[in-house]
N, C-alpha and C. Protein backbone atom coordinates (compact mmCIF):
# COMPACT_ATOMS: atom_id res chain seq x y z
N MET A 1 20.64 -66.64 104.25
CA MET A 1 19.79 -66.08 103.21
C MET A 1 18.65 -65.30 103.85
N VAL A 2 18.10 -64.37 103.09
CA VAL A 2 17.06 -63.47 103.58
C VAL A 2 15.71 -63.82 102.95
N ILE A 3 14.69 -63.96 103.79
CA ILE A 3 13.32 -63.98 103.31
C ILE A 3 12.75 -62.61 103.61
N ALA A 4 12.49 -61.84 102.58
CA ALA A 4 12.01 -60.47 102.73
C ALA A 4 10.49 -60.47 102.73
N GLY A 5 9.88 -59.98 103.81
CA GLY A 5 8.44 -60.06 103.96
C GLY A 5 8.04 -61.46 104.36
N ALA A 6 8.61 -61.94 105.48
CA ALA A 6 8.56 -63.37 105.81
C ALA A 6 7.35 -63.79 106.62
N THR A 7 6.47 -62.86 107.00
CA THR A 7 5.42 -63.21 107.97
C THR A 7 4.16 -63.81 107.34
N SER A 8 4.19 -64.09 106.06
CA SER A 8 3.05 -64.73 105.40
C SER A 8 3.16 -66.24 105.52
N ALA A 9 2.12 -66.94 105.06
CA ALA A 9 2.17 -68.40 105.03
C ALA A 9 3.29 -68.88 104.12
N SER A 10 3.54 -68.16 103.04
CA SER A 10 4.63 -68.52 102.12
C SER A 10 5.98 -68.37 102.81
N GLY A 11 6.12 -67.31 103.61
CA GLY A 11 7.36 -67.11 104.34
C GLY A 11 7.63 -68.22 105.33
N ALA A 12 6.57 -68.64 106.03
CA ALA A 12 6.72 -69.73 107.00
C ALA A 12 7.08 -71.04 106.31
N ALA A 13 6.43 -71.32 105.18
CA ALA A 13 6.73 -72.55 104.45
C ALA A 13 8.17 -72.55 103.96
N ALA A 14 8.62 -71.41 103.43
CA ALA A 14 10.00 -71.33 102.93
C ALA A 14 11.00 -71.44 104.07
N ALA A 15 10.73 -70.75 105.17
CA ALA A 15 11.65 -70.82 106.31
C ALA A 15 11.76 -72.24 106.83
N ARG A 16 10.63 -72.92 106.97
CA ARG A 16 10.63 -74.29 107.48
C ARG A 16 11.47 -75.20 106.58
N MET A 17 11.27 -75.11 105.29
CA MET A 17 11.97 -75.99 104.36
C MET A 17 13.46 -75.66 104.29
N LEU A 18 13.77 -74.38 104.25
CA LEU A 18 15.17 -73.98 104.15
C LEU A 18 15.95 -74.36 105.41
N VAL A 19 15.35 -74.16 106.58
CA VAL A 19 16.01 -74.54 107.83
C VAL A 19 16.21 -76.05 107.85
N THR A 20 15.22 -76.80 107.42
CA THR A 20 15.34 -78.26 107.37
C THR A 20 16.49 -78.68 106.46
N GLU A 21 16.69 -77.92 105.38
CA GLU A 21 17.77 -78.22 104.44
C GLU A 21 19.13 -77.74 104.93
N GLY A 22 19.16 -77.09 106.09
CA GLY A 22 20.42 -76.66 106.68
C GLY A 22 20.82 -75.23 106.40
N ALA A 23 19.92 -74.45 105.81
CA ALA A 23 20.24 -73.05 105.51
C ALA A 23 20.12 -72.19 106.76
N HIS A 24 20.92 -71.15 106.80
CA HIS A 24 20.77 -70.14 107.85
C HIS A 24 19.83 -69.07 107.31
N VAL A 25 18.63 -69.02 107.85
CA VAL A 25 17.58 -68.16 107.33
C VAL A 25 17.43 -66.93 108.21
N ILE A 26 17.39 -65.77 107.57
CA ILE A 26 17.10 -64.52 108.25
C ILE A 26 15.75 -64.05 107.75
N ALA A 27 14.74 -64.16 108.59
CA ALA A 27 13.37 -63.80 108.22
C ALA A 27 13.13 -62.35 108.63
N VAL A 28 12.75 -61.53 107.67
CA VAL A 28 12.62 -60.09 107.89
C VAL A 28 11.17 -59.65 107.73
N GLY A 29 10.70 -58.85 108.67
CA GLY A 29 9.36 -58.30 108.61
C GLY A 29 9.26 -57.07 109.48
N ARG A 30 8.09 -56.46 109.49
CA ARG A 30 7.91 -55.21 110.24
C ARG A 30 7.42 -55.42 111.67
N ASP A 31 6.90 -56.62 111.97
CA ASP A 31 6.23 -56.86 113.25
C ASP A 31 6.91 -58.02 113.96
N ASP A 32 7.56 -57.74 115.10
CA ASP A 32 8.31 -58.77 115.80
C ASP A 32 7.39 -59.88 116.28
N ALA A 33 6.17 -59.53 116.71
CA ALA A 33 5.25 -60.57 117.20
C ALA A 33 4.91 -61.55 116.09
N ARG A 34 4.76 -61.06 114.88
CA ARG A 34 4.44 -61.95 113.75
C ARG A 34 5.66 -62.75 113.28
N LEU A 35 6.86 -62.30 113.68
CA LEU A 35 8.07 -63.04 113.34
C LEU A 35 8.34 -64.17 114.32
N ALA A 36 7.69 -64.13 115.49
CA ALA A 36 7.96 -65.13 116.53
C ALA A 36 7.80 -66.57 116.04
N PRO A 37 6.75 -66.91 115.26
CA PRO A 37 6.63 -68.30 114.78
C PRO A 37 7.80 -68.73 113.90
N LEU A 38 8.42 -67.78 113.23
CA LEU A 38 9.57 -68.11 112.39
C LEU A 38 10.80 -68.42 113.24
N ARG A 39 10.92 -67.72 114.37
CA ARG A 39 12.00 -68.07 115.30
C ARG A 39 11.80 -69.48 115.83
N ALA A 40 10.55 -69.84 116.07
CA ALA A 40 10.25 -71.19 116.55
C ALA A 40 10.64 -72.25 115.53
N LEU A 41 10.66 -71.88 114.27
CA LEU A 41 11.07 -72.81 113.21
C LEU A 41 12.59 -72.92 113.09
N GLY A 42 13.31 -72.03 113.77
CA GLY A 42 14.77 -72.05 113.71
C GLY A 42 15.39 -70.94 112.90
N ALA A 43 14.58 -70.00 112.44
CA ALA A 43 15.11 -68.88 111.66
C ALA A 43 15.57 -67.75 112.59
N GLN A 44 16.59 -67.05 112.17
CA GLN A 44 16.92 -65.77 112.79
C GLN A 44 15.93 -64.75 112.26
N THR A 45 15.53 -63.81 113.09
CA THR A 45 14.56 -62.81 112.64
C THR A 45 15.11 -61.41 112.81
N ALA A 46 14.59 -60.50 112.00
CA ALA A 46 15.00 -59.11 112.07
C ALA A 46 13.80 -58.23 111.72
N VAL A 47 13.58 -57.22 112.54
CA VAL A 47 12.52 -56.25 112.28
C VAL A 47 13.07 -55.14 111.42
N CYS A 48 12.41 -54.87 110.31
CA CYS A 48 12.88 -53.83 109.40
C CYS A 48 11.73 -53.40 108.49
N ASP A 49 11.62 -52.11 108.26
CA ASP A 49 10.70 -51.59 107.25
C ASP A 49 11.44 -51.61 105.93
N LEU A 50 11.16 -52.62 105.12
CA LEU A 50 11.91 -52.79 103.87
C LEU A 50 11.58 -51.73 102.83
N GLY A 51 10.53 -50.97 103.08
CA GLY A 51 10.20 -49.87 102.19
C GLY A 51 10.98 -48.61 102.49
N ASP A 52 11.78 -48.64 103.55
CA ASP A 52 12.58 -47.48 103.95
C ASP A 52 14.05 -47.77 103.70
N GLU A 53 14.66 -47.02 102.82
CA GLU A 53 16.04 -47.30 102.40
C GLU A 53 17.01 -47.26 103.57
N ALA A 54 16.87 -46.27 104.44
CA ALA A 54 17.80 -46.15 105.58
C ALA A 54 17.69 -47.35 106.50
N SER A 55 16.47 -47.85 106.69
CA SER A 55 16.27 -49.02 107.55
C SER A 55 16.93 -50.26 106.96
N VAL A 56 16.82 -50.42 105.64
CA VAL A 56 17.44 -51.58 105.00
C VAL A 56 18.96 -51.47 105.03
N THR A 57 19.47 -50.28 104.82
CA THR A 57 20.92 -50.06 104.90
C THR A 57 21.43 -50.39 106.30
N ALA A 58 20.68 -49.97 107.32
CA ALA A 58 21.07 -50.25 108.71
C ALA A 58 21.01 -51.75 108.99
N LEU A 59 19.99 -52.42 108.46
CA LEU A 59 19.90 -53.87 108.64
C LEU A 59 21.10 -54.57 108.03
N ALA A 60 21.46 -54.21 106.82
CA ALA A 60 22.62 -54.82 106.17
C ALA A 60 23.88 -54.57 106.98
N ALA A 61 24.03 -53.37 107.51
CA ALA A 61 25.21 -53.05 108.32
C ALA A 61 25.26 -53.91 109.58
N ARG A 62 24.11 -54.11 110.23
CA ARG A 62 24.06 -54.94 111.43
C ARG A 62 24.44 -56.38 111.11
N LEU A 63 23.88 -56.90 110.05
CA LEU A 63 24.18 -58.29 109.68
C LEU A 63 25.65 -58.46 109.32
N HIS A 64 26.19 -57.52 108.57
CA HIS A 64 27.60 -57.60 108.21
C HIS A 64 28.49 -57.50 109.44
N ALA A 65 28.10 -56.64 110.37
CA ALA A 65 28.89 -56.51 111.61
C ALA A 65 28.89 -57.80 112.40
N ASP A 66 27.82 -58.59 112.26
CA ASP A 66 27.72 -59.88 112.95
C ASP A 66 28.37 -61.01 112.16
N GLY A 67 28.98 -60.66 111.03
CA GLY A 67 29.66 -61.66 110.22
C GLY A 67 28.78 -62.37 109.21
N GLU A 68 27.55 -61.90 109.04
CA GLU A 68 26.64 -62.54 108.08
C GLU A 68 26.95 -62.07 106.66
N ARG A 69 26.89 -63.00 105.73
CA ARG A 69 26.98 -62.68 104.32
C ARG A 69 25.82 -63.37 103.63
N ILE A 70 25.10 -62.63 102.81
CA ILE A 70 23.84 -63.12 102.25
C ILE A 70 24.08 -63.78 100.89
N ASP A 71 23.60 -65.02 100.77
CA ASP A 71 23.76 -65.73 99.49
C ASP A 71 22.41 -66.06 98.86
N GLY A 72 21.35 -65.50 99.38
CA GLY A 72 20.05 -65.74 98.78
C GLY A 72 19.02 -64.74 99.27
N VAL A 73 18.09 -64.40 98.40
CA VAL A 73 16.96 -63.53 98.75
C VAL A 73 15.70 -64.14 98.15
N LEU A 74 14.70 -64.36 99.00
CA LEU A 74 13.37 -64.71 98.53
C LEU A 74 12.47 -63.52 98.86
N HIS A 75 11.98 -62.87 97.82
CA HIS A 75 11.23 -61.62 97.99
C HIS A 75 9.74 -61.93 98.03
N LEU A 76 9.13 -61.68 99.19
CA LEU A 76 7.71 -61.96 99.38
C LEU A 76 6.91 -60.72 99.79
N VAL A 77 7.52 -59.56 99.68
CA VAL A 77 6.82 -58.32 100.04
C VAL A 77 5.80 -58.01 98.95
N GLY A 78 4.57 -57.84 99.35
CA GLY A 78 3.55 -57.53 98.35
C GLY A 78 2.16 -57.73 98.90
N GLY A 79 1.18 -57.66 98.02
CA GLY A 79 -0.21 -57.80 98.40
C GLY A 79 -1.08 -57.60 97.18
N TRP A 80 -2.36 -57.54 97.40
CA TRP A 80 -3.29 -57.37 96.29
C TRP A 80 -4.29 -56.27 96.61
N ARG A 81 -4.48 -55.39 95.65
CA ARG A 81 -5.59 -54.46 95.66
C ARG A 81 -6.03 -54.26 94.21
N GLY A 82 -7.33 -54.28 93.99
CA GLY A 82 -7.80 -54.11 92.62
C GLY A 82 -9.30 -53.94 92.58
N GLY A 83 -9.84 -54.00 91.37
CA GLY A 83 -11.27 -53.86 91.18
C GLY A 83 -11.65 -52.48 90.67
N GLY A 84 -12.88 -52.37 90.19
CA GLY A 84 -13.39 -51.07 89.75
C GLY A 84 -12.98 -50.68 88.35
N GLY A 85 -12.46 -51.64 87.57
CA GLY A 85 -12.03 -51.29 86.23
C GLY A 85 -10.88 -50.29 86.27
N LEU A 86 -10.56 -49.72 85.12
CA LEU A 86 -9.46 -48.77 85.07
C LEU A 86 -9.71 -47.53 85.92
N PRO A 87 -10.92 -46.96 85.93
CA PRO A 87 -11.15 -45.79 86.79
C PRO A 87 -10.97 -46.10 88.27
N GLY A 88 -11.09 -47.38 88.64
CA GLY A 88 -10.94 -47.76 90.04
C GLY A 88 -9.51 -47.99 90.48
N GLN A 89 -8.54 -47.78 89.61
CA GLN A 89 -7.13 -47.98 89.94
C GLN A 89 -6.60 -46.72 90.63
N THR A 90 -6.80 -46.64 91.92
CA THR A 90 -6.50 -45.42 92.65
C THR A 90 -5.01 -45.26 92.94
N ASP A 91 -4.61 -44.04 93.17
CA ASP A 91 -3.23 -43.78 93.56
C ASP A 91 -2.92 -44.42 94.91
N ALA A 92 -3.90 -44.41 95.82
CA ALA A 92 -3.68 -45.01 97.14
C ALA A 92 -3.37 -46.50 97.01
N ASP A 93 -4.12 -47.19 96.17
CA ASP A 93 -3.86 -48.61 95.96
C ASP A 93 -2.52 -48.83 95.28
N TYR A 94 -2.19 -47.98 94.31
CA TYR A 94 -0.91 -48.12 93.64
C TYR A 94 0.25 -47.95 94.62
N ARG A 95 0.16 -46.94 95.49
CA ARG A 95 1.24 -46.70 96.46
C ARG A 95 1.38 -47.88 97.40
N PHE A 96 0.26 -48.50 97.79
CA PHE A 96 0.31 -49.69 98.64
C PHE A 96 1.05 -50.81 97.92
N LEU A 97 0.72 -51.05 96.67
CA LEU A 97 1.34 -52.13 95.91
C LEU A 97 2.80 -51.85 95.59
N GLU A 98 3.11 -50.59 95.40
CA GLU A 98 4.46 -50.19 95.00
C GLU A 98 5.52 -50.55 96.04
N ILE A 99 5.09 -50.74 97.30
CA ILE A 99 6.04 -51.10 98.35
C ILE A 99 6.80 -52.37 97.99
N GLY A 100 6.13 -53.28 97.29
CA GLY A 100 6.81 -54.51 96.89
C GLY A 100 8.01 -54.24 96.01
N LEU A 101 7.86 -53.38 95.02
CA LEU A 101 8.96 -53.00 94.14
C LEU A 101 10.03 -52.24 94.91
N THR A 102 9.61 -51.31 95.74
CA THR A 102 10.56 -50.51 96.51
C THR A 102 11.41 -51.40 97.42
N ALA A 103 10.77 -52.33 98.10
CA ALA A 103 11.50 -53.24 98.98
C ALA A 103 12.48 -54.10 98.20
N LEU A 104 12.07 -54.59 97.03
CA LEU A 104 12.96 -55.38 96.19
C LEU A 104 14.20 -54.59 95.81
N ARG A 105 14.00 -53.36 95.40
CA ARG A 105 15.13 -52.50 95.04
C ARG A 105 16.07 -52.31 96.23
N HIS A 106 15.50 -52.00 97.38
CA HIS A 106 16.33 -51.73 98.56
C HIS A 106 17.14 -52.97 98.97
N VAL A 107 16.48 -54.10 99.05
CA VAL A 107 17.15 -55.31 99.55
C VAL A 107 18.25 -55.77 98.60
N THR A 108 17.96 -55.81 97.31
CA THR A 108 18.96 -56.32 96.38
C THR A 108 20.14 -55.36 96.24
N ARG A 109 19.90 -54.07 96.37
CA ARG A 109 21.04 -53.14 96.36
C ARG A 109 21.88 -53.29 97.61
N ALA A 110 21.23 -53.44 98.76
CA ALA A 110 21.96 -53.52 100.02
C ALA A 110 22.85 -54.76 100.09
N PHE A 111 22.41 -55.86 99.46
CA PHE A 111 23.17 -57.11 99.55
C PHE A 111 23.81 -57.52 98.22
N TRP A 112 23.88 -56.59 97.29
CA TRP A 112 24.43 -56.88 95.97
C TRP A 112 25.86 -57.43 96.04
N ALA A 113 26.71 -56.79 96.82
CA ALA A 113 28.10 -57.25 96.91
C ALA A 113 28.17 -58.66 97.49
N ASP A 114 27.33 -58.96 98.47
CA ASP A 114 27.30 -60.30 99.03
C ASP A 114 26.90 -61.33 97.97
N LEU A 115 25.87 -61.00 97.21
CA LEU A 115 25.37 -61.93 96.21
C LEU A 115 26.42 -62.21 95.14
N LEU A 116 27.17 -61.18 94.76
CA LEU A 116 28.23 -61.37 93.77
C LEU A 116 29.39 -62.18 94.32
N ALA A 117 29.69 -62.01 95.60
CA ALA A 117 30.84 -62.70 96.20
C ALA A 117 30.55 -64.15 96.53
N SER A 118 29.30 -64.51 96.65
CA SER A 118 28.93 -65.87 97.04
C SER A 118 29.31 -66.87 95.94
N PRO A 119 29.70 -68.08 96.31
CA PRO A 119 29.97 -69.11 95.30
C PRO A 119 28.69 -69.65 94.66
N ALA A 120 27.54 -69.35 95.26
CA ALA A 120 26.27 -69.80 94.69
C ALA A 120 25.14 -69.00 95.33
N SER A 121 24.72 -67.92 94.70
CA SER A 121 23.64 -67.11 95.25
C SER A 121 22.41 -67.20 94.35
N ARG A 122 21.25 -67.08 94.97
CA ARG A 122 19.99 -67.17 94.25
C ARG A 122 19.02 -66.10 94.77
N VAL A 123 18.44 -65.36 93.86
CA VAL A 123 17.40 -64.38 94.17
C VAL A 123 16.14 -64.80 93.44
N ALA A 124 15.00 -64.74 94.11
CA ALA A 124 13.74 -65.07 93.45
C ALA A 124 12.65 -64.13 93.91
N ILE A 125 11.78 -63.78 92.98
CA ILE A 125 10.60 -63.00 93.30
C ILE A 125 9.36 -63.81 92.92
N VAL A 126 8.24 -63.45 93.54
CA VAL A 126 6.96 -64.05 93.18
C VAL A 126 6.18 -63.02 92.39
N SER A 127 5.93 -63.33 91.13
CA SER A 127 5.18 -62.44 90.26
C SER A 127 3.84 -63.08 89.93
N SER A 128 3.19 -62.56 88.93
CA SER A 128 1.82 -62.97 88.64
C SER A 128 1.62 -63.22 87.15
N THR A 129 0.73 -64.15 86.84
CA THR A 129 0.35 -64.36 85.45
C THR A 129 -0.34 -63.13 84.87
N ALA A 130 -0.73 -62.19 85.74
CA ALA A 130 -1.35 -60.95 85.27
C ALA A 130 -0.38 -60.12 84.43
N VAL A 131 0.92 -60.35 84.60
CA VAL A 131 1.90 -59.61 83.79
C VAL A 131 1.73 -59.95 82.32
N ALA A 132 1.46 -61.22 82.05
CA ALA A 132 1.29 -61.65 80.66
C ALA A 132 -0.08 -61.28 80.11
N ARG A 133 -1.08 -61.16 81.00
CA ARG A 133 -2.42 -60.81 80.54
C ARG A 133 -3.07 -59.86 81.55
N PRO A 134 -2.65 -58.59 81.54
CA PRO A 134 -3.20 -57.63 82.50
C PRO A 134 -4.65 -57.29 82.21
N LEU A 135 -5.41 -57.16 83.28
CA LEU A 135 -6.81 -56.79 83.18
C LEU A 135 -7.02 -55.38 83.73
N ALA A 136 -8.05 -54.70 83.25
CA ALA A 136 -8.29 -53.33 83.67
C ALA A 136 -8.47 -53.23 85.18
N GLY A 137 -9.17 -54.20 85.77
CA GLY A 137 -9.43 -54.14 87.20
C GLY A 137 -8.23 -54.45 88.06
N GLY A 138 -7.15 -54.90 87.45
CA GLY A 138 -5.92 -55.17 88.18
C GLY A 138 -4.73 -54.48 87.56
N ALA A 139 -4.97 -53.37 86.91
CA ALA A 139 -3.90 -52.69 86.17
C ALA A 139 -2.77 -52.22 87.08
N ASN A 140 -3.13 -51.67 88.25
CA ASN A 140 -2.08 -51.25 89.19
C ASN A 140 -1.20 -52.43 89.57
N TYR A 141 -1.85 -53.53 89.92
CA TYR A 141 -1.13 -54.72 90.37
C TYR A 141 -0.23 -55.26 89.27
N ALA A 142 -0.77 -55.39 88.07
CA ALA A 142 0.02 -55.91 86.95
C ALA A 142 1.19 -55.00 86.62
N ALA A 143 0.98 -53.70 86.71
CA ALA A 143 2.05 -52.76 86.41
C ALA A 143 3.20 -52.89 87.40
N VAL A 144 2.87 -53.03 88.69
CA VAL A 144 3.91 -53.17 89.70
C VAL A 144 4.64 -54.49 89.53
N LYS A 145 3.90 -55.57 89.28
CA LYS A 145 4.54 -56.87 89.09
C LYS A 145 5.44 -56.86 87.86
N ALA A 146 5.00 -56.19 86.80
CA ALA A 146 5.85 -56.08 85.61
C ALA A 146 7.14 -55.34 85.93
N ALA A 147 7.04 -54.31 86.75
CA ALA A 147 8.23 -53.56 87.14
C ALA A 147 9.16 -54.43 88.00
N GLU A 148 8.58 -55.23 88.89
CA GLU A 148 9.40 -56.13 89.69
C GLU A 148 10.12 -57.15 88.80
N GLU A 149 9.41 -57.66 87.81
CA GLU A 149 10.06 -58.59 86.88
C GLU A 149 11.20 -57.91 86.13
N ALA A 150 11.00 -56.67 85.74
CA ALA A 150 12.07 -55.94 85.05
C ALA A 150 13.28 -55.80 85.95
N TRP A 151 13.05 -55.52 87.22
CA TRP A 151 14.17 -55.39 88.16
C TRP A 151 14.87 -56.73 88.32
N ALA A 152 14.09 -57.81 88.44
CA ALA A 152 14.69 -59.14 88.57
C ALA A 152 15.52 -59.50 87.35
N ARG A 153 15.05 -59.12 86.18
CA ARG A 153 15.81 -59.41 84.96
C ARG A 153 17.07 -58.54 84.88
N ALA A 154 16.99 -57.34 85.41
CA ALA A 154 18.18 -56.49 85.47
C ALA A 154 19.22 -57.10 86.41
N LEU A 155 18.76 -57.68 87.52
CA LEU A 155 19.68 -58.40 88.40
C LEU A 155 20.36 -59.52 87.63
N ALA A 156 19.57 -60.26 86.85
CA ALA A 156 20.12 -61.36 86.09
C ALA A 156 21.21 -60.89 85.13
N GLN A 157 20.96 -59.78 84.45
CA GLN A 157 21.96 -59.25 83.53
C GLN A 157 23.20 -58.79 84.29
N GLY A 158 22.97 -58.20 85.46
CA GLY A 158 24.11 -57.77 86.28
C GLY A 158 24.96 -58.94 86.74
N PHE A 159 24.30 -60.03 87.13
CA PHE A 159 25.05 -61.23 87.52
C PHE A 159 25.87 -61.76 86.33
N ALA A 160 25.24 -61.82 85.17
CA ALA A 160 25.93 -62.34 83.99
C ALA A 160 27.11 -61.44 83.59
N LYS A 161 26.91 -60.14 83.67
CA LYS A 161 27.98 -59.20 83.32
C LYS A 161 29.15 -59.32 84.29
N ASN A 162 28.84 -59.46 85.57
CA ASN A 162 29.91 -59.60 86.56
C ASN A 162 30.74 -60.85 86.28
N ALA A 163 30.07 -61.95 85.93
CA ALA A 163 30.80 -63.18 85.64
C ALA A 163 31.66 -63.01 84.38
N ARG A 164 31.07 -62.39 83.37
CA ARG A 164 31.81 -62.18 82.12
C ARG A 164 33.01 -61.27 82.33
N ASP A 165 32.80 -60.17 83.02
CA ASP A 165 33.89 -59.23 83.25
C ASP A 165 34.97 -59.81 84.15
N GLY A 166 34.54 -60.67 85.08
CA GLY A 166 35.50 -61.27 86.01
C GLY A 166 36.18 -62.52 85.47
N GLY A 167 35.71 -62.97 84.30
CA GLY A 167 36.32 -64.14 83.70
C GLY A 167 36.06 -65.43 84.45
N HIS A 168 34.92 -65.52 85.11
CA HIS A 168 34.59 -66.75 85.84
C HIS A 168 33.19 -67.21 85.47
N ALA A 169 32.90 -68.44 85.81
CA ALA A 169 31.58 -69.01 85.51
C ALA A 169 30.50 -68.27 86.29
N LEU A 170 29.31 -68.23 85.72
CA LEU A 170 28.18 -67.62 86.40
C LEU A 170 27.85 -68.40 87.66
N ARG A 171 27.79 -67.68 88.79
CA ARG A 171 27.53 -68.33 90.07
C ARG A 171 26.21 -67.88 90.68
N ALA A 172 25.67 -66.75 90.23
CA ALA A 172 24.46 -66.16 90.81
C ALA A 172 23.33 -66.23 89.81
N ALA A 173 22.12 -66.29 90.32
CA ALA A 173 20.96 -66.35 89.43
C ALA A 173 19.80 -65.57 90.02
N SER A 174 19.05 -64.93 89.15
CA SER A 174 17.82 -64.21 89.52
C SER A 174 16.67 -64.84 88.74
N THR A 175 15.65 -65.29 89.47
CA THR A 175 14.56 -66.07 88.89
C THR A 175 13.22 -65.45 89.26
N VAL A 176 12.27 -65.55 88.33
CA VAL A 176 10.90 -65.08 88.56
C VAL A 176 9.99 -66.29 88.63
N PHE A 177 9.24 -66.41 89.73
CA PHE A 177 8.18 -67.39 89.83
C PHE A 177 6.85 -66.69 89.58
N ARG A 178 6.08 -67.21 88.65
CA ARG A 178 4.76 -66.64 88.38
C ARG A 178 3.66 -67.57 88.89
N VAL A 179 2.65 -66.98 89.49
CA VAL A 179 1.48 -67.71 89.94
C VAL A 179 0.23 -66.91 89.58
N ARG A 180 -0.89 -67.60 89.49
CA ARG A 180 -2.15 -66.88 89.36
C ARG A 180 -2.62 -66.44 90.74
N ALA A 181 -2.49 -67.36 91.70
CA ALA A 181 -2.79 -67.07 93.10
C ALA A 181 -1.86 -67.94 93.93
N LEU A 182 -1.30 -67.38 94.99
CA LEU A 182 -0.31 -68.10 95.78
C LEU A 182 -0.95 -69.03 96.82
N ASP A 183 -2.19 -68.77 97.19
CA ASP A 183 -2.86 -69.61 98.18
C ASP A 183 -2.85 -71.06 97.73
N GLY A 184 -2.35 -71.94 98.60
CA GLY A 184 -2.28 -73.35 98.28
C GLY A 184 -0.98 -73.78 97.63
N LEU A 185 -0.17 -72.80 97.20
CA LEU A 185 1.10 -73.12 96.55
C LEU A 185 2.31 -72.78 97.42
N GLU A 186 2.06 -72.53 98.70
CA GLU A 186 3.16 -72.10 99.56
C GLU A 186 4.29 -73.13 99.63
N ASN A 187 3.94 -74.39 99.78
CA ASN A 187 4.98 -75.42 99.85
C ASN A 187 5.66 -75.64 98.51
N GLU A 188 4.89 -75.50 97.44
CA GLU A 188 5.50 -75.64 96.11
C GLU A 188 6.50 -74.50 95.86
N LEU A 189 6.14 -73.31 96.28
CA LEU A 189 7.07 -72.18 96.15
C LEU A 189 8.34 -72.46 96.94
N ALA A 190 8.18 -72.95 98.16
CA ALA A 190 9.35 -73.24 99.00
C ALA A 190 10.24 -74.28 98.33
N ARG A 191 9.63 -75.34 97.78
CA ARG A 191 10.42 -76.37 97.10
C ARG A 191 11.12 -75.81 95.87
N ALA A 192 10.41 -74.98 95.13
CA ALA A 192 10.99 -74.41 93.92
C ALA A 192 12.18 -73.51 94.25
N TYR A 193 12.03 -72.73 95.32
CA TYR A 193 13.14 -71.84 95.68
C TYR A 193 14.34 -72.66 96.16
N CYS A 194 14.11 -73.64 97.03
CA CYS A 194 15.21 -74.49 97.48
C CYS A 194 15.88 -75.18 96.29
N GLY A 195 15.06 -75.57 95.31
CA GLY A 195 15.59 -76.28 94.16
C GLY A 195 16.49 -75.46 93.26
N LEU A 196 16.45 -74.15 93.40
CA LEU A 196 17.30 -73.31 92.56
C LEU A 196 18.78 -73.61 92.79
N TRP A 197 19.12 -74.04 94.01
CA TRP A 197 20.53 -74.34 94.30
C TRP A 197 20.95 -75.67 93.70
N SER A 198 20.00 -76.50 93.32
CA SER A 198 20.33 -77.78 92.68
C SER A 198 20.57 -77.62 91.18
N ALA A 199 20.18 -76.48 90.65
CA ALA A 199 20.35 -76.21 89.22
C ALA A 199 21.59 -75.35 89.00
N ALA A 200 22.20 -75.50 87.85
CA ALA A 200 23.31 -74.61 87.48
C ALA A 200 22.79 -73.20 87.29
N ALA A 201 23.57 -72.22 87.72
CA ALA A 201 23.13 -70.83 87.64
C ALA A 201 22.67 -70.42 86.25
N PRO A 202 23.38 -70.79 85.18
CA PRO A 202 22.91 -70.38 83.84
C PRO A 202 21.54 -70.94 83.48
N ASP A 203 21.15 -72.04 84.11
CA ASP A 203 19.86 -72.66 83.79
C ASP A 203 18.68 -71.96 84.44
N VAL A 204 18.94 -71.19 85.48
CA VAL A 204 17.84 -70.52 86.18
C VAL A 204 17.98 -69.00 86.21
N ASN A 205 19.09 -68.48 85.73
CA ASN A 205 19.25 -67.03 85.70
C ASN A 205 18.42 -66.43 84.56
N ASP A 206 17.68 -65.36 84.87
CA ASP A 206 16.81 -64.68 83.90
C ASP A 206 15.76 -65.63 83.35
N ARG A 207 15.22 -66.46 84.24
CA ARG A 207 14.20 -67.43 83.83
C ARG A 207 12.88 -67.13 84.54
N VAL A 208 11.78 -67.26 83.82
CA VAL A 208 10.44 -67.15 84.39
C VAL A 208 9.88 -68.55 84.51
N ILE A 209 9.48 -68.94 85.72
CA ILE A 209 8.97 -70.27 85.99
C ILE A 209 7.54 -70.16 86.48
N ASP A 210 6.62 -70.80 85.77
CA ASP A 210 5.22 -70.86 86.21
C ASP A 210 5.06 -72.00 87.19
N LEU A 211 4.57 -71.69 88.37
CA LEU A 211 4.32 -72.74 89.35
C LEU A 211 3.00 -73.44 89.03
N ALA A 212 2.87 -74.67 89.46
CA ALA A 212 1.67 -75.46 89.17
C ALA A 212 0.45 -74.72 89.69
N GLY A 213 -0.61 -74.82 88.95
CA GLY A 213 -1.83 -74.14 89.34
C GLY A 213 -1.94 -72.75 88.76
N ALA A 214 -0.82 -72.25 88.17
CA ALA A 214 -0.85 -70.92 87.59
C ALA A 214 -1.65 -70.88 86.31
């Protein structure tokens, strides 16, 4: 499985828990030095600019050539910029935040066939309670997170349609985790993501889950 944008505290917590549970984790980020602690945890690492489509396509090709097939994606690419009310929502800040959506699109398209072929695949994104109650000072952020949620829900519909058209039970799920702030919830996020495999796909596909503290 792939942790996209793995060099954060959340990425380390997820990698540690998933490796402990026996998963083969591929931690992806832009900086090899920052990926080194994840290798120490037992994860395979890969350097890739997930905001660049050609780079993601090349990464998928390398992994497939090595015999890897992806059955999970935890999307952690993102950040925060805000403030200044609506006039303070600059294009520069929006472009910075938009990388999260762009990376999600690239990664899920590149591994779509793998996710459909898996007997149990799970995709999850980390969104924000700001989607439900956007504020002027965080309008850029809320707009991007809302778009990411829309993409995640489109994945869910695609998984359901594939199962229906193929005449088989739903095996894949796309889930949205919402938080107000992720600081302090890194281990809870890791547990929640690992727990998706313990649930039946229909129970977690196209579901929004608020993590504690949200």
